[in-house]
């Protein structure tokens, strides 16, 4: 059940207190699962990574995070998604140089591990 008030919605019940660290761990597990699925997906992996970038860019199922969005779109573009390359370019035009550098660094780190 959601309780609406000024600000973001809050959940009622015994699980209403989720701190930022727990939320980040949950999101990291979700990202790892999507990335793992994409790595095994063959030709569809670039599309799955592109969709993850779009989810971060639009806030679909997670908070909007343009750095993470650019990271996943960049990886998808490297894996062969033309759509991701176009979206990445559009997104990069709206980002600060600091955020863009962080996104490129995160993508490079992900690529070296995977």
Protein backbone atom coordinates (compact mmCIF):
# COMPACT_ATOMS: atom_id res chain seq x y z
CA UNK A 1 0.00 0.00 0.00
CA UNK A 2 1.36 3.42 -0.92
CA UNK A 3 0.91 6.48 1.24
CA UNK A 4 0.88 9.66 -0.82
CA UNK A 5 2.09 12.90 0.67
CA UNK A 6 4.39 15.68 -0.37
CA UNK A 7 7.53 14.17 -1.83
CA UNK A 8 8.10 10.65 -3.08
CA UNK A 9 5.65 7.88 -2.18
CA UNK A 10 6.37 5.87 0.95
CA UNK A 11 5.44 2.28 1.56
CA UNK A 12 3.49 1.37 4.64
CA UNK A 13 4.24 -1.71 6.65
CA UNK A 14 7.17 -3.35 8.32
CA UNK A 15 9.42 -3.01 5.25
CA UNK A 16 8.98 0.74 4.95
CA UNK A 17 12.56 1.56 5.93
CA UNK A 18 14.94 0.73 3.14
CA UNK A 19 18.14 2.66 3.33
CA UNK A 20 20.08 3.85 0.29
CA UNK A 21 22.81 1.24 0.71
CA UNK A 22 20.31 -1.64 0.65
CA UNK A 23 18.60 -0.13 -2.38
CA UNK A 24 21.95 0.19 -4.18
CA UNK A 25 22.75 -3.46 -3.42
CA UNK A 26 19.38 -4.52 -4.82
CA UNK A 27 19.90 -2.44 -7.95
CA UNK A 28 23.42 -3.84 -8.36
CA UNK A 29 22.06 -7.40 -8.17
CA UNK A 30 19.42 -6.48 -10.77
CA UNK A 31 22.07 -4.98 -13.05
CA UNK A 32 24.27 -8.03 -12.66
CA UNK A 33 21.39 -10.32 -13.59
CA UNK A 34 20.52 -8.26 -16.66
CA UNK A 35 24.17 -8.05 -17.68
CA UNK A 36 24.64 -11.79 -17.14
CA UNK A 37 21.53 -12.54 -19.18
CA UNK A 38 22.74 -10.21 -21.90
CA UNK A 39 26.18 -11.83 -21.96
CA UNK A 40 24.56 -15.21 -22.59
CA UNK A 41 22.01 -13.89 -25.08
CA UNK A 42 24.11 -14.07 -28.24
CA UNK A 43 22.81 -11.65 -30.85
CA UNK A 44 20.23 -10.16 -28.50
CA UNK A 45 22.72 -9.08 -25.84
CA UNK A 46 23.31 -5.65 -27.39
CA UNK A 47 19.55 -5.09 -27.45
CA UNK A 48 19.22 -6.13 -23.80
CA UNK A 49 22.03 -3.77 -22.80
CA UNK A 50 20.40 -0.99 -24.84
CA UNK A 51 17.11 -1.59 -23.02
CA UNK A 52 18.91 -1.36 -19.69
CA UNK A 53 20.41 1.97 -20.75
CA UNK A 54 16.97 3.21 -21.74
CA UNK A 55 15.53 2.08 -18.40
CA UNK A 56 18.11 4.16 -16.54
CA UNK A 57 17.61 7.14 -18.86
CA UNK A 58 13.84 7.15 -18.43
CA UNK A 59 13.53 5.91 -14.86
CA UNK A 60 11.61 2.81 -15.93
CA UNK A 61 11.74 0.47 -12.93
CA UNK A 62 14.60 2.36 -11.28
CA UNK A 63 15.67 5.91 -10.48
CA UNK A 64 16.88 8.03 -13.40
CA UNK A 65 20.67 7.77 -13.58
CA UNK A 66 22.20 9.33 -16.69
CA UNK A 67 25.70 8.07 -15.90
CA UNK A 68 24.45 4.47 -15.72
CA UNK A 69 22.29 5.04 -18.81
CA UNK A 70 25.27 6.23 -20.83
CA UNK A 71 27.38 3.35 -19.51
CA UNK A 72 24.92 0.69 -20.69
CA UNK A 73 24.21 2.45 -24.00
CA UNK A 74 27.95 2.70 -24.62
CA UNK A 75 28.44 -1.01 -23.94
CA UNK A 76 25.48 -1.87 -26.18
CA UNK A 77 26.95 0.29 -28.95
CA UNK A 78 30.30 -1.47 -28.60
CA UNK A 79 28.45 -4.80 -28.86
CA UNK A 80 26.89 -3.68 -32.15
CA UNK A 81 23.65 -1.83 -31.44
CA UNK A 82 23.21 1.09 -33.85
CA UNK A 83 20.19 2.27 -31.88
CA UNK A 84 22.27 2.42 -28.69
CA UNK A 85 24.95 4.44 -30.48
CA UNK A 86 22.38 7.02 -31.58
CA UNK A 87 20.80 7.20 -28.12
CA UNK A 88 24.23 7.44 -26.48
CA UNK A 89 25.13 10.42 -28.66
CA UNK A 90 21.88 12.19 -27.81
CA UNK A 91 22.36 11.52 -24.11
CA UNK A 92 26.00 12.62 -24.13
CA UNK A 93 24.95 16.01 -25.53
CA UNK A 94 22.91 16.64 -22.36
CA UNK A 95 25.52 15.48 -19.83
CA UNK A 96 28.22 17.41 -18.02
CA UNK A 97 31.84 16.58 -18.82
CA UNK A 98 32.27 15.15 -15.31
CA UNK A 99 29.27 12.84 -15.65
CA UNK A 100 30.33 11.81 -19.14
CA UNK A 101 33.82 10.94 -17.90
CA UNK A 102 32.32 8.89 -15.04
CA UNK A 103 30.09 7.01 -17.49
CA UNK A 104 32.98 6.24 -19.84
CA UNK A 105 35.11 5.07 -16.93
CA UNK A 106 32.29 2.80 -15.67
CA UNK A 107 31.80 1.29 -19.13
CA UNK A 108 35.54 0.68 -19.49
CA UNK A 109 35.65 -1.01 -16.09
CA UNK A 110 32.67 -3.22 -16.96
CA UNK A 111 34.22 -4.20 -20.28
CA UNK A 112 37.51 -5.23 -18.66
CA UNK A 113 35.71 -7.51 -16.19
CA UNK A 114 33.25 -9.00 -18.67
